[in-house]
Amino acid sequence: HFLHALQEEFGKELVIVLDNAPYFIAKHLKKQAAKAGLLLEYLPSYAPEMNPLEQCWRQVNEGRANKLYRTLSELKAYLTSKLPTLHSPRIYEYLC
């Protein structure tokens, strides 16, 4: 499980900050987190400026509007070229 892997990597006492995507607010996830002793905190709804990953997604999507990738290889090539160009020098500090 992902939650177990997080604890193995970062320790047992974790606070995980999530947005309000349906898969993050699912009862199953909340139940598993409680069982593992993890604290889940949720960002406010409709506040993308509080989620540093939103800026990364915006940068990844620049220039991609209305582009269809016909194969997984095409999409992978695009992401491989785009990800190293992200301009978020403080993203790691912000998240950690």
C-alpha atoms as a PDB file:
ATOM      1  CA  HIS A   1       0.000   0.000   0.000  1.00  0.00           C
ATOM      2  CA  PHE A   2       1.034   3.540  -0.725  1.00  0.00           C
ATOM      3  CA  LEU A   3       0.420   4.718   2.843  1.00  0.00           C
ATOM      4  CA  HIS A   4       2.624   1.957   4.212  1.00  0.00           C
ATOM      5  CA  ALA A   5       5.369   2.872   1.734  1.00  0.00           C
ATOM      6  CA  LEU A   6       5.211   6.501   2.907  1.00  0.00           C
ATOM      7  CA  GLN A   7       5.656   5.416   6.499  1.00  0.00           C
ATOM      8  CA  GLU A   8       8.550   3.158   5.601  1.00  0.00           C
ATOM      9  CA  GLU A   9      10.269   6.017   3.784  1.00  0.00           C
ATOM     10  CA  PHE A  10       9.519   8.939   6.106  1.00  0.00           C
ATOM     11  CA  GLY A  11       8.625   7.451   9.492  1.00  0.00           C
ATOM     12  CA  LYS A  12       5.459   6.514  11.312  1.00  0.00           C
ATOM     13  CA  GLU A  13       4.288   9.982  12.355  1.00  0.00           C
ATOM     14  CA  LEU A  14       3.162  11.707   9.174  1.00  0.00           C
ATOM     15  CA  VAL A  15       0.743  14.419   8.242  1.00  0.00           C
ATOM     16  CA  ILE A  16      -0.327  14.033   4.627  1.00  0.00           C
ATOM     17  CA  VAL A  17      -1.755  17.100   2.885  1.00  0.00           C
ATOM     18  CA  LEU A  18      -4.222  16.311   0.098  1.00  0.00           C
ATOM     19  CA  ASP A  19      -6.578  18.177  -2.157  1.00  0.00           C
ATOM     20  CA  ASN A  20     -10.258  17.300  -2.241  1.00  0.00           C
ATOM     21  CA  ALA A  21     -10.161  14.959  -5.231  1.00  0.00           C
ATOM     22  CA  PRO A  22     -12.765  12.201  -4.804  1.00  0.00           C
ATOM     23  CA  TYR A  23     -10.151   9.466  -4.481  1.00  0.00           C
ATOM     24  CA  PHE A  24      -8.493  11.364  -1.596  1.00  0.00           C
ATOM     25  CA  ILE A  25     -11.695  11.815   0.376  1.00  0.00           C
ATOM     26  CA  ALA A  26     -12.863   8.236  -0.075  1.00  0.00           C
ATOM     27  CA  LYS A  27     -13.905   6.467   3.117  1.00  0.00           C
ATOM     28  CA  HIS A  28     -11.523   3.596   2.371  1.00  0.00           C
ATOM     29  CA  LEU A  29      -8.499   5.926   2.299  1.00  0.00           C
ATOM     30  CA  LYS A  30      -9.554   7.656   5.504  1.00  0.00           C
ATOM     31  CA  LYS A  31     -10.065   4.290   7.182  1.00  0.00           C
ATOM     32  CA  GLN A  32      -6.654   2.993   6.082  1.00  0.00           C
ATOM     33  CA  ALA A  33      -4.934   6.207   7.185  1.00  0.00           C
ATOM     34  CA  ALA A  34      -6.577   6.056  10.611  1.00  0.00           C
ATOM     35  CA  LYS A  35      -5.588   2.403  10.961  1.00  0.00           C
ATOM     36  CA  ALA A  36      -1.977   3.314  10.120  1.00  0.00           C
ATOM     37  CA  GLY A  37      -1.990   6.277  12.508  1.00  0.00           C
ATOM     38  CA  LEU A  38      -1.593   8.861   9.755  1.00  0.00           C
ATOM     39  CA  LEU A  39      -3.136  12.302   9.924  1.00  0.00           C
ATOM     40  CA  LEU A  40      -4.800  13.479   6.714  1.00  0.00           C
ATOM     41  CA  GLU A  41      -5.229  17.224   6.224  1.00  0.00           C
ATOM     42  CA  TYR A  42      -7.150  18.599   3.271  1.00  0.00           C
ATOM     43  CA  LEU A  43      -6.541  21.793   1.345  1.00  0.00           C
ATOM     44  CA  PRO A  44      -9.573  24.051   0.983  1.00  0.00           C
ATOM     45  CA  SER A  45     -11.800  23.324  -1.999  1.00  0.00           C
ATOM     46  CA  TYR A  46     -11.296  25.535  -5.040  1.00  0.00           C
ATOM     47  CA  ALA A  47      -7.963  26.900  -3.815  1.00  0.00           C
ATOM     48  CA  PRO A  48      -5.414  25.698  -6.400  1.00  0.00           C
ATOM     49  CA  GLU A  49      -3.039  28.502  -5.386  1.00  0.00           C
ATOM     50  CA  MET A  50      -2.489  26.631  -2.121  1.00  0.00           C
ATOM     51  CA  ASN A  51      -1.445  23.449  -3.916  1.00  0.00           C
ATOM     52  CA  PRO A  52       2.127  23.774  -5.253  1.00  0.00           C
ATOM     53  CA  LEU A  53       1.613  20.872  -7.642  1.00  0.00           C
ATOM     54  CA  GLU A  54      -1.015  22.847  -9.545  1.00  0.00           C
ATOM     55  CA  GLN A  55       1.733  25.162 -10.825  1.00  0.00           C
ATOM     56  CA  CYS A  56       3.700  22.131 -12.005  1.00  0.00           C
ATOM     57  CA  TRP A  57       0.649  20.803 -13.892  1.00  0.00           C
ATOM     58  CA  ARG A  58       0.142  24.220 -15.526  1.00  0.00           C
ATOM     59  CA  GLN A  59       3.725  24.191 -16.740  1.00  0.00           C
ATOM     60  CA  VAL A  60       3.455  20.630 -18.050  1.00  0.00           C
ATOM     61  CA  ASN A  61       0.296  21.521 -19.966  1.00  0.00           C
ATOM     62  CA  GLU A  62       1.675  24.691 -21.578  1.00  0.00           C
ATOM     63  CA  GLY A  63       1.730  24.258 -25.333  1.00  0.00           C
ATOM     64  CA  ARG A  64      -0.191  21.004 -25.137  1.00  0.00           C
ATOM     65  CA  ALA A  65      -3.696  22.346 -25.737  1.00  0.00           C
ATOM     66  CA  ASN A  66      -5.710  20.274 -28.197  1.00  0.00           C
ATOM     67  CA  LYS A  67      -2.819  17.860 -28.690  1.00  0.00           C
ATOM     68  CA  LEU A  68      -3.648  14.190 -29.093  1.00  0.00           C
ATOM     69  CA  TYR A  69      -0.987  11.631 -28.286  1.00  0.00           C
ATOM     70  CA  ARG A  70      -1.791   8.573 -30.336  1.00  0.00           C
ATOM     71  CA  THR A  71       0.590   6.306 -28.481  1.00  0.00           C
ATOM     72  CA  LEU A  72       1.931   6.000 -24.987  1.00  0.00           C
ATOM     73  CA  SER A  73       5.404   6.487 -26.466  1.00  0.00           C
ATOM     74  CA  GLU A  74       4.413   9.918 -27.820  1.00  0.00           C
ATOM     75  CA  LEU A  75       3.068  10.979 -24.444  1.00  0.00           C
ATOM     76  CA  LYS A  76       6.146   9.637 -22.675  1.00  0.00           C
ATOM     77  CA  ALA A  77       8.424  11.548 -25.067  1.00  0.00           C
ATOM     78  CA  TYR A  78       6.515  14.768 -24.370  1.00  0.00           C
ATOM     79  CA  LEU A  79       6.683  14.303 -20.599  1.00  0.00           C
ATOM     80  CA  THR A  80      10.342  13.305 -20.725  1.00  0.00           C
ATOM     81  CA  SER A  81      11.157  16.554 -22.501  1.00  0.00           C
ATOM     82  CA  LYS A  82       8.841  18.750 -20.403  1.00  0.00           C
ATOM     83  CA  LEU A  83       9.415  17.590 -16.818  1.00  0.00           C
ATOM     84  CA  PRO A  84      13.070  18.706 -16.597  1.00  0.00           C
ATOM     85  CA  THR A  85      12.019  22.240 -17.612  1.00  0.00           C
ATOM     86  CA  LEU A  86       9.671  22.848 -14.672  1.00  0.00           C
ATOM     87  CA  HIS A  87      10.382  26.132 -12.933  1.00  0.00           C
ATOM     88  CA  SER A  88       9.654  25.314  -9.322  1.00  0.00           C
ATOM     89  CA  PRO A  89      12.966  25.675  -7.509  1.00  0.00           C
ATOM     90  CA  ARG A  90      11.305  25.822  -4.113  1.00  0.00           C
ATOM     91  CA  ILE A  91       8.725  23.078  -4.664  1.00  0.00           C
ATOM     92  CA  TYR A  92      10.696  20.502  -2.674  1.00  0.00           C
ATOM     93  CA  GLU A  93      11.252  22.898   0.225  1.00  0.00           C
ATOM     94  CA  TYR A  94       7.556  23.796   0.198  1.00  0.00           C
ATOM     95  CA  LEU A  95       6.408  20.191   0.218  1.00  0.00           C
ATOM     96  CA  CYS A  96       8.913  18.998   2.797  1.00  0.00           C
END
